[in-house]
């Protein structure tokens, strides 16, 4: 059975956080999409689900992640909420055995949990 970490794993790109905290940051850099990876016991053992929140700041994203396995904040500069929703609907984050929080070519959007990519 897969084991999930017992601590919350922040997979936000550090460059996005630097731009977010800059005093001259544009509005697009201050808001983004929150991706939360949570347990999904209804689906089966060690299964997860992802949930999205639109137009949240990095600080709000981090605060809401209290009971998540992992979370990722995607600046609107990187991808709009609509782009993230489309990416999720097309199931573009399905790479198995992701080597890091940045899964494959879509690393700026996908999150890695238990060796698999999700959004």
Foldseek 3Di string as FASTA:
>chain_A
DFDFDPDEAELEDVVLVVLCPDPPRDLQSFWFKKKFWADDPVVHPPDIDIDIDGTDGPVVSVVVRPHTSYMYTQGVVRPHPVRLVVCQVVVVFFDFQAPAQQRPPNRSRWGDISRGTHD
